[in-house]
């Protein structure tokens, strides 16, 4: 059997390609599920969320408890938001690996730099 590469052929054979693709699929299958899963969402009852006064919906913030809160302040327009403007949930610098709601709020809210 001759090597196609030495003959100036098309490169690797289909057999080699299929073998490599199958090997790659096996490696992906061996990864733990939590590596491929989306990060967990923060709950309002989580310790960090309670300390920061986090709410999934900025409209439900206690205005007496947090008088500096404004209705226009949402996680999506906070400097610590790690997602895109179209993400419903994304990471936050304050919440580690947990995701927060775009429409949420906490007292660490800071405006995005212009």
PDB file of N, CA and C in Angstrom:
ATOM      1  N   UNK A   1       0.843  -1.169   0.000  1.00  0.00           N
ATOM      2  CA  UNK A   1       0.000   0.000   0.000  1.00  0.00           C
ATOM      3  C   UNK A   1       0.891   1.234   0.000  1.00  0.00           C
ATOM      4  N   UNK A   2       0.550   2.224  -0.781  1.00  0.00           N
ATOM      5  CA  UNK A   2       1.366   3.430  -0.881  1.00  0.00           C
ATOM      6  C   UNK A   2       0.748   4.563  -0.081  1.00  0.00           C
ATOM      7  N   UNK A   3       1.589   5.485   0.280  1.00  0.00           N
ATOM      8  CA  UNK A   3       1.146   6.659   1.029  1.00  0.00           C
ATOM      9  C   UNK A   3       0.734   7.744   0.041  1.00  0.00           C
ATOM     10  N   UNK A   4      -0.501   8.221   0.162  1.00  0.00           N
ATOM     11  CA  UNK A   4      -0.995   9.224  -0.783  1.00  0.00           C
ATOM     12  C   UNK A   4      -0.182  10.517  -0.720  1.00  0.00           C
ATOM     13  N   UNK A   5       0.307  10.842   0.468  1.00  0.00           N
ATOM     14  CA  UNK A   5       1.079  12.074   0.597  1.00  0.00           C
ATOM     15  C   UNK A   5       2.346  12.027  -0.236  1.00  0.00           C
ATOM     16  N   UNK A   6       2.972  10.847  -0.338  1.00  0.00           N
ATOM     17  CA  UNK A   6       4.215  10.740  -1.095  1.00  0.00           C
ATOM     18  C   UNK A   6       3.957  10.767  -2.595  1.00  0.00           C
ATOM     19  N   UNK A   7       2.719  10.526  -3.005  1.00  0.00           N
ATOM     20  CA  UNK A   7       2.387  10.541  -4.423  1.00  0.00           C
ATOM     21  C   UNK A   7       1.843  11.897  -4.863  1.00  0.00           C
ATOM     22  N   UNK A   8       1.775  12.853  -3.948  1.00  0.00           N
ATOM     23  CA  UNK A   8       1.210  14.143  -4.312  1.00  0.00           C
ATOM     24  C   UNK A   8      -0.305  14.101  -4.364  1.00  0.00           C
ATOM     25  N   UNK A   9      -0.911  13.154  -3.659  1.00  0.00           N
ATOM     26  CA  UNK A   9      -2.369  13.004  -3.662  1.00  0.00           C
ATOM     27  C   UNK A   9      -3.058  14.047  -2.803  1.00  0.00           C
ATOM     28  N   UNK A  10      -4.278  13.733  -2.386  1.00  0.00           N
ATOM     29  CA  UNK A  10      -5.116  14.687  -1.665  1.00  0.00           C
ATOM     30  C   UNK A  10      -4.782  14.792  -0.192  1.00  0.00           C
ATOM     31  N   UNK A  11      -3.764  14.196   0.286  1.00  0.00           N
ATOM     32  CA  UNK A  11      -3.435  14.273   1.708  1.00  0.00           C
ATOM     33  C   UNK A  11      -3.937  13.048   2.431  1.00  0.00           C
ATOM     34  N   UNK A  12      -4.399  13.229   3.658  1.00  0.00           N
ATOM     35  CA  UNK A  12      -4.847  12.119   4.497  1.00  0.00           C
ATOM     36  C   UNK A  12      -6.054  11.432   3.870  1.00  0.00           C
ATOM     37  N   UNK A  13      -6.102  10.128   4.053  1.00  0.00           N
ATOM     38  CA  UNK A  13      -7.209   9.358   3.495  1.00  0.00           C
ATOM     39  C   UNK A  13      -8.461   9.518   4.347  1.00  0.00           C
ATOM     40  N   UNK A  14      -9.581   9.123   3.783  1.00  0.00           N
ATOM     41  CA  UNK A  14     -10.841   9.153   4.541  1.00  0.00           C
ATOM     42  C   UNK A  14     -10.740   8.273   5.770  1.00  0.00           C
ATOM     43  N   UNK A  15     -10.067   7.155   5.642  1.00  0.00           N
ATOM     44  CA  UNK A  15      -9.926   6.225   6.765  1.00  0.00           C
ATOM     45  C   UNK A  15      -9.201   6.910   7.927  1.00  0.00           C
ATOM     46  N   UNK A  16      -8.139   7.648   7.626  1.00  0.00           N
ATOM     47  CA  UNK A  16      -7.422   8.376   8.676  1.00  0.00           C
ATOM     48  C   UNK A  16      -8.303   9.463   9.281  1.00  0.00           C
ATOM     49  N   UNK A  17      -9.043  10.168   8.436  1.00  0.00           N
ATOM     50  CA  UNK A  17      -9.928  11.225   8.921  1.00  0.00           C
ATOM     51  C   UNK A  17     -10.988  10.660   9.860  1.00  0.00           C
ATOM     52  N   UNK A  18     -11.635   9.583   9.449  1.00  0.00           N
ATOM     53  CA  UNK A  18     -12.682   8.971  10.275  1.00  0.00           C
ATOM     54  C   UNK A  18     -12.093   8.480  11.589  1.00  0.00           C
ATOM     55  N   UNK A  19     -10.910   7.906  11.536  1.00  0.00           N
ATOM     56  CA  UNK A  19     -10.256   7.435  12.760  1.00  0.00           C
ATOM     57  C   UNK A  19      -9.954   8.572  13.718  1.00  0.00           C
ATOM     58  N   UNK A  20      -9.466   9.670  13.191  1.00  0.00           N
ATOM     59  CA  UNK A  20      -9.168  10.826  14.047  1.00  0.00           C
ATOM     60  C   UNK A  20     -10.444  11.459  14.594  1.00  0.00           C
ATOM     61  N   UNK A  21     -11.476  11.535  13.771  1.00  0.00           N
ATOM     62  CA  UNK A  21     -12.747  12.105  14.227  1.00  0.00           C
ATOM     63  C   UNK A  21     -13.356  11.247  15.330  1.00  0.00           C
ATOM     64  N   UNK A  22     -13.279   9.933  15.176  1.00  0.00           N
ATOM     65  CA  UNK A  22     -13.807   9.036  16.209  1.00  0.00           C
ATOM     66  C   UNK A  22     -13.017   9.184  17.499  1.00  0.00           C
ATOM     67  N   UNK A  23     -11.710   9.327  17.387  1.00  0.00           N
ATOM     68  CA  UNK A  23     -10.883   9.528  18.581  1.00  0.00           C
ATOM     69  C   UNK A  23     -11.239  10.821  19.294  1.00  0.00           C
ATOM     70  N   UNK A  24     -11.467  11.879  18.535  1.00  0.00           N
ATOM     71  CA  UNK A  24     -11.870  13.156  19.130  1.00  0.00           C
ATOM     72  C   UNK A  24     -13.215  13.059  19.817  1.00  0.00           C
ATOM     73  N   UNK A  25     -14.146  12.326  19.213  1.00  0.00           N
ATOM     74  CA  UNK A  25     -15.467  12.147  19.821  1.00  0.00           C
ATOM     75  C   UNK A  25     -15.353  11.384  21.133  1.00  0.00           C
ATOM     76  N   UNK A  26     -14.473  10.397  21.172  1.00  0.00           N
ATOM     77  CA  UNK A  26     -14.271   9.637  22.416  1.00  0.00           C
ATOM     78  C   UNK A  26     -13.709  10.536  23.518  1.00  0.00           C
ATOM     79  N   UNK A  27     -12.797  11.427  23.164  1.00  0.00           N
ATOM     80  CA  UNK A  27     -12.244  12.350  24.158  1.00  0.00           C
ATOM     81  C   UNK A  27     -13.323  13.270  24.713  1.00  0.00           C
ATOM     82  N   UNK A  28     -14.198  13.788  23.850  1.00  0.00           N
ATOM     83  CA  UNK A  28     -15.294  14.644  24.316  1.00  0.00           C
ATOM     84  C   UNK A  28     -16.252  13.872  25.212  1.00  0.00           C
ATOM     85  N   UNK A  29     -16.521  12.621  24.855  1.00  0.00           N
ATOM     86  CA  UNK A  29     -17.435  11.806  25.653  1.00  0.00           C
ATOM     87  C   UNK A  29     -16.852  11.507  27.028  1.00  0.00           C
ATOM     88  N   UNK A  30     -15.531  11.519  27.137  1.00  0.00           N
ATOM     89  CA  UNK A  30     -14.889  11.212  28.413  1.00  0.00           C
ATOM     90  C   UNK A  30     -14.897  12.399  29.375  1.00  0.00           C
ATOM     91  N   UNK A  31     -15.192  13.612  28.880  1.00  0.00           N
ATOM     92  CA  UNK A  31     -15.234  14.784  29.760  1.00  0.00           C
ATOM     93  C   UNK A  31     -16.392  14.667  30.742  1.00  0.00           C
ATOM     94  N   UNK A  32     -16.193  15.086  31.972  1.00  0.00           N
ATOM     95  CA  UNK A  32     -17.298  15.080  32.926  1.00  0.00           C
ATOM     96  C   UNK A  32     -18.423  15.991  32.439  1.00  0.00           C
ATOM     97  N   UNK A  33     -19.647  15.632  32.755  1.00  0.00           N
ATOM     98  CA  UNK A  33     -20.810  16.381  32.297  1.00  0.00           C
ATOM     99  C   UNK A  33     -20.754  17.830  32.768  1.00  0.00           C
ATOM    100  N   UNK A  34     -20.274  18.075  33.978  1.00  0.00           N
ATOM    101  CA  UNK A  34     -20.260  19.447  34.488  1.00  0.00           C
ATOM    102  C   UNK A  34     -19.326  20.361  33.703  1.00  0.00           C
ATOM    103  N   UNK A  35     -18.370  19.788  32.981  1.00  0.00           N
ATOM    104  CA  UNK A  35     -17.474  20.604  32.163  1.00  0.00           C
ATOM    105  C   UNK A  35     -18.233  21.157  30.959  1.00  0.00           C
ATOM    106  N   UNK A  36     -19.161  20.367  30.414  1.00  0.00           N
ATOM    107  CA  UNK A  36     -19.912  20.767  29.237  1.00  0.00           C
ATOM    108  C   UNK A  36     -21.195  21.510  29.585  1.00  0.00           C
ATOM    109  N   UNK A  37     -21.662  21.404  30.825  1.00  0.00           N
ATOM    110  CA  UNK A  37     -22.924  22.016  31.227  1.00  0.00           C
ATOM    111  C   UNK A  37     -22.759  23.515  31.453  1.00  0.00           C
ATOM    112  N   UNK A  38     -23.862  24.229  31.317  1.00  0.00           N
ATOM    113  CA  UNK A  38     -23.854  25.669  31.597  1.00  0.00           C
ATOM    114  C   UNK A  38     -23.657  25.883  33.095  1.00  0.00           C
ATOM    115  N   UNK A  39     -23.020  26.968  33.479  1.00  0.00           N
ATOM    116  CA  UNK A  39     -22.843  27.254  34.906  1.00  0.00           C
ATOM    117  C   UNK A  39     -24.204  27.397  35.594  1.00  0.00           C
ATOM    118  N   UNK A  40     -24.265  27.107  36.893  1.00  0.00           N
ATOM    119  CA  UNK A  40     -25.544  27.227  37.603  1.00  0.00           C
ATOM    120  C   UNK A  40     -25.964  28.688  37.728  1.00  0.00           C
ATOM    121  N   UNK A  41     -27.254  28.881  37.883  1.00  0.00           N
ATOM    122  CA  UNK A  41     -27.793  30.225  38.078  1.00  0.00           C
ATOM    123  C   UNK A  41     -27.803  30.573  39.555  1.00  0.00           C
ATOM    124  N   UNK A  42     -27.536  31.823  39.851  1.00  0.00           N
ATOM    125  CA  UNK A  42     -27.588  32.299  41.233  1.00  0.00           C
ATOM    126  C   UNK A  42     -29.044  32.318  41.692  1.00  0.00           C
ATOM    127  N   UNK A  43     -29.247  31.963  42.927  1.00  0.00           N
ATOM    128  CA  UNK A  43     -30.577  32.045  43.535  1.00  0.00           C
ATOM    129  C   UNK A  43     -30.590  33.240  44.471  1.00  0.00           C
ATOM    130  N   UNK A  44     -31.726  33.853  44.627  1.00  0.00           N
ATOM    131  CA  UNK A  44     -31.831  35.001  45.532  1.00  0.00           C
ATOM    132  C   UNK A  44     -31.527  34.613  46.970  1.00  0.00           C
ATOM    133  N   UNK A  45     -31.645  33.330  47.289  1.00  0.00           N
ATOM    134  CA  UNK A  45     -31.387  32.841  48.645  1.00  0.00           C
ATOM    135  C   UNK A  45     -29.927  32.456  48.878  1.00  0.00           C
ATOM    136  N   UNK A  46     -29.086  32.479  47.827  1.00  0.00           N
ATOM    137  CA  UNK A  46     -27.662  32.175  47.992  1.00  0.00           C
ATOM    138  C   UNK A  46     -27.024  33.196  48.930  1.00  0.00           C
ATOM    139  N   UNK A  47     -26.013  32.765  49.674  1.00  0.00           N
ATOM    140  CA  UNK A  47     -25.363  33.639  50.651  1.00  0.00           C
ATOM    141  C   UNK A  47     -24.859  34.945  50.028  1.00  0.00           C
ATOM    142  N   UNK A  48     -24.166  34.838  48.905  1.00  0.00           N
ATOM    143  CA  UNK A  48     -23.652  36.040  48.242  1.00  0.00           C
ATOM    144  C   UNK A  48     -24.792  36.942  47.791  1.00  0.00           C
ATOM    145  N   UNK A  49     -25.844  36.338  47.242  1.00  0.00           N
ATOM    146  CA  UNK A  49     -26.991  37.116  46.773  1.00  0.00           C
ATOM    147  C   UNK A  49     -27.658  37.871  47.917  1.00  0.00           C
ATOM    148  N   UNK A  50     -27.804  37.217  49.055  1.00  0.00           N
ATOM    149  CA  UNK A  50     -28.421  37.861  50.221  1.00  0.00           C
ATOM    150  C   UNK A  50     -27.557  39.034  50.686  1.00  0.00           C
ATOM    151  N   UNK A  51     -26.249  38.823  50.761  1.00  0.00           N
ATOM    152  CA  UNK A  51     -25.343  39.887  51.206  1.00  0.00           C
ATOM    153  C   UNK A  51     -25.364  41.097  50.271  1.00  0.00           C
ATOM    154  N   UNK A  52     -25.566  40.847  48.983  1.00  0.00           N
ATOM    155  CA  UNK A  52     -25.567  41.936  48.002  1.00  0.00           C
ATOM    156  C   UNK A  52     -26.963  42.473  47.704  1.00  0.00           C
ATOM    157  N   UNK A  53     -27.988  41.890  48.318  1.00  0.00           N
ATOM    158  CA  UNK A  53     -29.359  42.320  48.053  1.00  0.00           C
ATOM    159  C   UNK A  53     -29.811  41.990  46.641  1.00  0.00           C
ATOM    160  N   UNK A  54     -29.253  40.932  46.051  1.00  0.00           N
ATOM    161  CA  UNK A  54     -29.548  40.567  44.661  1.00  0.00           C
ATOM    162  C   UNK A  54     -31.001  40.156  44.469  1.00  0.00           C
ATOM    163  N   UNK A  55     -31.586  40.625  43.378  1.00  0.00           N
ATOM    164  CA  UNK A  55     -32.919  40.222  42.944  1.00  0.00           C
ATOM    165  C   UNK A  55     -32.840  39.885  41.461  1.00  0.00           C
ATOM    166  N   UNK A  56     -33.586  38.846  41.049  1.00  0.00           N
ATOM    167  CA  UNK A  56     -33.626  38.465  39.633  1.00  0.00           C
ATOM    168  C   UNK A  56     -34.264  39.567  38.785  1.00  0.00           C
ATOM    169  N   UNK A  57     -35.138  40.350  39.394  1.00  0.00           N
ATOM    170  CA  UNK A  57     -35.852  41.409  38.680  1.00  0.00           C
ATOM    171  C   UNK A  57     -35.659  42.730  39.420  1.00  0.00           C
ATOM    172  N   UNK A  58     -35.075  43.698  38.754  1.00  0.00           N
ATOM    173  CA  UNK A  58     -34.798  44.991  39.388  1.00  0.00           C
ATOM    174  C   UNK A  58     -36.063  45.661  39.922  1.00  0.00           C
ATOM    175  N   UNK A  59     -37.220  45.322  39.356  1.00  0.00           N
ATOM    176  CA  UNK A  59     -38.489  45.910  39.799  1.00  0.00           C
ATOM    177  C   UNK A  59     -38.897  45.434  41.190  1.00  0.00           C
ATOM    178  N   UNK A  60     -38.319  44.329  41.657  1.00  0.00           N
ATOM    179  CA  UNK A  60     -38.703  43.784  42.963  1.00  0.00           C
ATOM    180  C   UNK A  60     -37.760  44.211  44.096  1.00  0.00           C
ATOM    181  N   UNK A  61     -36.864  45.144  43.833  1.00  0.00           N
ATOM    182  CA  UNK A  61     -35.926  45.622  44.853  1.00  0.00           C
ATOM    183  C   UNK A  61     -36.674  46.481  45.874  1.00  0.00           C
ATOM    184  N   UNK A  62     -36.387  46.264  47.152  1.00  0.00           N
ATOM    185  CA  UNK A  62     -36.988  47.033  48.246  1.00  0.00           C
ATOM    186  C   UNK A  62     -36.386  48.446  48.246  1.00  0.00           C
ATOM    187  N   UNK A  63     -37.189  49.416  47.839  1.00  0.00           N
ATOM    188  CA  UNK A  63     -36.699  50.795  47.709  1.00  0.00           C
ATOM    189  C   UNK A  63     -36.364  51.432  49.058  1.00  0.00           C
ATOM    190  N   UNK A  64     -37.013  50.985  50.117  1.00  0.00           N
ATOM    191  CA  UNK A  64     -36.703  51.517  51.449  1.00  0.00           C
ATOM    192  C   UNK A  64     -35.357  50.989  51.941  1.00  0.00           C
ATOM    193  N   UNK A  65     -35.090  49.731  51.658  1.00  0.00           N
ATOM    194  CA  UNK A  65     -33.841  49.112  52.089  1.00  0.00           C
ATOM    195  C   UNK A  65     -32.656  49.571  51.229  1.00  0.00           C
ATOM    196  N   UNK A  66     -32.919  49.833  49.951  1.00  0.00           N
ATOM    197  CA  UNK A  66     -31.869  50.240  49.004  1.00  0.00           C
ATOM    198  C   UNK A  66     -32.286  51.544  48.321  1.00  0.00           C
ATOM    199  N   UNK A  67     -32.217  52.679  49.021  1.00  0.00           N
ATOM    200  CA  UNK A  67     -32.691  53.950  48.461  1.00  0.00           C
ATOM    201  C   UNK A  67     -31.893  54.449  47.247  1.00  0.00           C
ATOM    202  N   UNK A  68     -30.667  53.991  47.066  1.00  0.00           N
ATOM    203  CA  UNK A  68     -29.858  54.413  45.910  1.00  0.00           C
ATOM    204  C   UNK A  68     -30.236  53.663  44.634  1.00  0.00           C
ATOM    205  N   UNK A  69     -31.066  52.643  44.751  1.00  0.00           N
ATOM    206  CA  UNK A  69     -31.487  51.858  43.584  1.00  0.00           C
ATOM    207  C   UNK A  69     -32.344  52.710  42.650  1.00  0.00           C
ATOM    208  N   UNK A  70     -32.107  52.563  41.358  1.00  0.00           N
ATOM    209  CA  UNK A  70     -32.934  53.220  40.339  1.00  0.00           C
ATOM    210  C   UNK A  70     -33.482  52.144  39.408  1.00  0.00           C
ATOM    211  N   UNK A  71     -34.678  52.358  38.904  1.00  0.00           N
ATOM    212  CA  UNK A  71     -35.331  51.367  38.041  1.00  0.00           C
ATOM    213  C   UNK A  71     -34.530  51.070  36.775  1.00  0.00           C
ATOM    214  N   UNK A  72     -33.689  51.989  36.353  1.00  0.00           N
ATOM    215  CA  UNK A  72     -32.889  51.787  35.136  1.00  0.00           C
ATOM    216  C   UNK A  72     -31.641  50.943  35.380  1.00  0.00           C
ATOM    217  N   UNK A  73     -31.329  50.678  36.639  1.00  0.00           N
ATOM    218  CA  UNK A  73     -30.150  49.874  36.968  1.00  0.00           C
ATOM    219  C   UNK A  73     -30.496  48.393  36.837  1.00  0.00           C
ATOM    220  N   UNK A  74     -29.877  47.746  35.885  1.00  0.00           N
ATOM    221  CA  UNK A  74     -30.048  46.310  35.662  1.00  0.00           C
ATOM    222  C   UNK A  74     -28.667  45.687  35.505  1.00  0.00           C
ATOM    223  N   UNK A  75     -28.583  44.403  35.787  1.00  0.00           N
ATOM    224  CA  UNK A  75     -27.296  43.707  35.656  1.00  0.00           C
ATOM    225  C   UNK A  75     -26.705  43.868  34.255  1.00  0.00           C
ATOM    226  N   UNK A  76     -27.547  43.853  33.246  1.00  0.00           N
ATOM    227  CA  UNK A  76     -27.065  43.935  31.867  1.00  0.00           C
ATOM    228  C   UNK A  76     -26.337  45.253  31.579  1.00  0.00           C
ATOM    229  N   UNK A  77     -26.637  46.327  32.340  1.00  0.00           N
ATOM    230  CA  UNK A  77     -25.922  47.585  32.108  1.00  0.00           C
ATOM    231  C   UNK A  77     -24.960  47.921  33.250  1.00  0.00           C
ATOM    232  N   UNK A  78     -24.529  46.886  33.965  1.00  0.00           N
ATOM    233  CA  UNK A  78     -23.565  47.020  35.060  1.00  0.00           C
ATOM    234  C   UNK A  78     -22.151  46.725  34.539  1.00  0.00           C
ATOM    235  N   UNK A  79     -21.175  47.362  35.122  1.00  0.00           N
ATOM    236  CA  UNK A  79     -19.779  47.163  34.724  1.00  0.00           C
ATOM    237  C   UNK A  79     -19.296  45.736  34.979  1.00  0.00           C
ATOM    238  N   UNK A  80     -19.941  45.018  35.880  1.00  0.00           N
ATOM    239  CA  UNK A  80     -19.496  43.663  36.221  1.00  0.00           C
ATOM    240  C   UNK A  80     -20.171  42.570  35.391  1.00  0.00           C
ATOM    241  N   UNK A  81     -21.115  42.935  34.536  1.00  0.00           N
ATOM    242  CA  UNK A  81     -21.822  41.991  33.659  1.00  0.00           C
ATOM    243  C   UNK A  81     -20.825  41.402  32.676  1.00  0.00           C
ATOM    244  N   UNK A  82     -20.795  40.069  32.563  1.00  0.00           N
ATOM    245  CA  UNK A  82     -19.821  39.392  31.707  1.00  0.00           C
ATOM    246  C   UNK A  82     -20.437  38.808  30.446  1.00  0.00           C
ATOM    247  N   UNK A  83     -21.664  39.170  30.166  1.00  0.00           N
ATOM    248  CA  UNK A  83     -22.335  38.658  28.980  1.00  0.00           C
ATOM    249  C   UNK A  83     -22.473  39.725  27.906  1.00  0.00           C
ATOM    250  N   UNK A  84     -23.287  39.402  26.914  1.00  0.00           N
ATOM    251  CA  UNK A  84     -23.603  40.361  25.859  1.00  0.00           C
ATOM    252  C   UNK A  84     -24.948  40.999  26.194  1.00  0.00           C
ATOM    253  N   UNK A  85     -25.291  42.103  25.568  1.00  0.00           N
ATOM    254  CA  UNK A  85     -26.579  42.743  25.852  1.00  0.00           C
ATOM    255  C   UNK A  85     -27.788  41.857  25.544  1.00  0.00           C
ATOM    256  N   UNK A  86     -27.631  40.865  24.687  1.00  0.00           N
ATOM    257  CA  UNK A  86     -28.761  39.998  24.333  1.00  0.00           C
ATOM    258  C   UNK A  86     -28.884  38.760  25.229  1.00  0.00           C
ATOM    259  N   UNK A  87     -27.924  38.516  26.118  1.00  0.00           N
ATOM    260  CA  UNK A  87     -27.986  37.358  27.015  1.00  0.00           C
ATOM    261  C   UNK A  87     -29.031  37.581  28.105  1.00  0.00           C
ATOM    262  N   UNK A  88     -29.860  36.569  28.358  1.00  0.00           N
ATOM    263  CA  UNK A  88     -30.832  36.645  29.452  1.00  0.00           C
ATOM    264  C   UNK A  88     -30.148  36.352  30.788  1.00  0.00           C
ATOM    265  N   UNK A  89     -29.133  35.504  30.782  1.00  0.00           N
ATOM    266  CA  UNK A  89     -28.346  35.141  31.967  1.00  0.00           C
ATOM    267  C   UNK A  89     -26.881  35.148  31.562  1.00  0.00           C
ATOM    268  N   UNK A  90     -26.020  35.582  32.468  1.00  0.00           N
ATOM    269  CA  UNK A  90     -24.576  35.586  32.186  1.00  0.00           C
ATOM    270  C   UNK A  90     -23.807  35.682  33.495  1.00  0.00           C
ATOM    271  N   UNK A  91     -22.503  35.607  33.385  1.00  0.00           N
ATOM    272  CA  UNK A  91     -21.643  35.693  34.554  1.00  0.00           C
ATOM    273  C   UNK A  91     -21.546  37.111  35.094  1.00  0.00           C
ATOM    274  N   UNK A  92     -21.073  37.185  36.324  1.00  0.00           N
ATOM    275  CA  UNK A  92     -20.885  38.468  37.004  1.00  0.00           C
ATOM    276  C   UNK A  92     -19.630  38.353  37.858  1.00  0.00           C
ATOM    277  N   UNK A  93     -18.854  39.418  37.911  1.00  0.00           N
ATOM    278  CA  UNK A  93     -17.630  39.415  38.708  1.00  0.00           C
ATOM    279  C   UNK A  93     -17.903  39.172  40.187  1.00  0.00           C
ATOM    280  N   UNK A  94     -19.084  39.485  40.661  1.00  0.00           N
ATOM    281  CA  UNK A  94     -19.416  39.337  42.081  1.00  0.00           C
ATOM    282  C   UNK A  94     -19.899  37.933  42.446  1.00  0.00           C
ATOM    283  N   UNK A  95     -20.324  37.139  41.460  1.00  0.00           N
ATOM    284  CA  UNK A  95     -20.963  35.863  41.750  1.00  0.00           C
ATOM    285  C   UNK A  95     -20.149  34.634  41.353  1.00  0.00           C
ATOM    286  N   UNK A  96     -18.886  34.795  41.059  1.00  0.00           N
ATOM    287  CA  UNK A  96     -18.051  33.637  40.727  1.00  0.00           C
ATOM    288  C   UNK A  96     -18.549  32.930  39.485  1.00  0.00           C
ATOM    289  N   UNK A  97     -18.753  31.621  39.588  1.00  0.00           N
ATOM    290  CA  UNK A  97     -19.171  30.819  38.438  1.00  0.00           C
ATOM    291  C   UNK A  97     -20.679  30.814  38.221  1.00  0.00           C
ATOM    292  N   UNK A  98     -21.442  31.435  39.072  1.00  0.00           N
ATOM    293  CA  UNK A  98     -22.897  31.432  38.915  1.00  0.00           C
ATOM    294  C   UNK A  98     -23.340  32.541  37.971  1.00  0.00           C
ATOM    295  N   UNK A  99     -24.423  32.263  37.261  1.00  0.00           N
ATOM    296  CA  UNK A  99     -24.969  33.245  36.339  1.00  0.00           C
ATOM    297  C   UNK A  99     -26.079  34.048  37.016  1.00  0.00           C
ATOM    298  N   UNK A 100     -26.230  35.276  36.565  1.00  0.00           N
ATOM    299  CA  UNK A 100     -27.261  36.160  37.098  1.00  0.00           C
ATOM    300  C   UNK A 100     -28.168  36.627  35.962  1.00  0.00           C
ATOM    301  N   UNK A 101     -29.353  37.109  36.322  1.00  0.00           N
ATOM    302  CA  UNK A 101     -30.331  37.553  35.331  1.00  0.00           C
ATOM    303  C   UNK A 101     -29.974  38.930  34.782  1.00  0.00           C
ATOM    304  N   UNK A 102     -30.163  39.105  33.490  1.00  0.00           N
ATOM    305  CA  UNK A 102     -29.903  40.399  32.853  1.00  0.00           C
ATOM    306  C   UNK A 102     -30.767  41.493  33.463  1.00  0.00           C
ATOM    307  N   UNK A 103     -31.988  41.162  33.831  1.00  0.00           N
ATOM    308  CA  UNK A 103     -32.928  42.136  34.403  1.00  0.00           C
ATOM    309  C   UNK A 103     -32.765  42.259  35.913  1.00  0.00           C
ATOM    310  N   UNK A 104     -31.747  41.610  36.478  1.00  0.00           N
ATOM    311  CA  UNK A 104     -31.534  41.619  37.915  1.00  0.00           C
ATOM    312  C   UNK A 104     -30.838  42.873  38.412  1.00  0.00           C
ATOM    313  N   UNK A 105     -30.577  42.886  39.732  1.00  0.00           N
ATOM    314  CA  UNK A 105     -29.903  44.020  40.365  1.00  0.00           C
ATOM    315  C   UNK A 105     -29.291  43.564  41.681  1.00  0.00           C
ATOM    316  N   UNK A 106     -28.186  44.187  42.081  1.00  0.00           N
ATOM    317  CA  UNK A 106     -27.632  44.038  43.427  1.00  0.00           C
ATOM    318  C   UNK A 106     -26.975  45.355  43.806  1.00  0.00           C
ATOM    319  N   UNK A 107     -26.656  45.520  45.084  1.00  0.00           N
ATOM    320  CA  UNK A 107     -26.116  46.805  45.533  1.00  0.00           C
ATOM    321  C   UNK A 107     -24.680  47.066  45.077  1.00  0.00           C
ATOM    322  N   UNK A 108     -24.049  46.098  44.428  1.00  0.00           N
ATOM    323  CA  UNK A 108     -22.719  46.321  43.854  1.00  0.00           C
ATOM    324  C   UNK A 108     -22.808  46.915  42.448  1.00  0.00           C
ATOM    325  N   UNK A 109     -24.034  47.189  41.985  1.00  0.00           N
ATOM    326  CA  UNK A 109     -24.224  47.717  40.632  1.00  0.00           C
ATOM    327  C   UNK A 109     -23.377  48.969  40.420  1.00  0.00           C
ATOM    328  N   UNK A 110     -22.696  49.009  39.273  1.00  0.00           N
ATOM    329  CA  UNK A 110     -21.887  50.170  38.883  1.00  0.00           C
ATOM    330  C   UNK A 110     -22.081  50.389  37.386  1.00  0.00           C
ATOM    331  N   UNK A 111     -22.181  51.624  36.946  1.00  0.00           N
ATOM    332  CA  UNK A 111     -22.408  51.866  35.518  1.00  0.00           C
ATOM    333  C   UNK A 111     -21.222  51.402  34.672  1.00  0.00           C
ATOM    334  N   UNK A 112     -21.545  50.908  33.482  1.00  0.00           N
ATOM    335  CA  UNK A 112     -20.478  50.528  32.547  1.00  0.00           C
ATOM    336  C   UNK A 112     -19.731  51.783  32.116  1.00  0.00           C
ATOM    337  N   UNK A 113     -18.422  51.669  31.947  1.00  0.00           N
ATOM    338  CA  UNK A 113     -17.677  52.840  31.466  1.00  0.00           C
ATOM    339  C   UNK A 113     -18.124  53.219  30.050  1.00  0.00           C
ATOM    340  N   UNK A 114     -18.115  54.480  29.775  1.00  0.00           N
ATOM    341  CA  UNK A 114     -18.572  54.975  28.460  1.00  0.00           C
ATOM    342  C   UNK A 114     -17.627  54.640  27.344  1.00  0.00           C
TER     343      UNK A 114
END
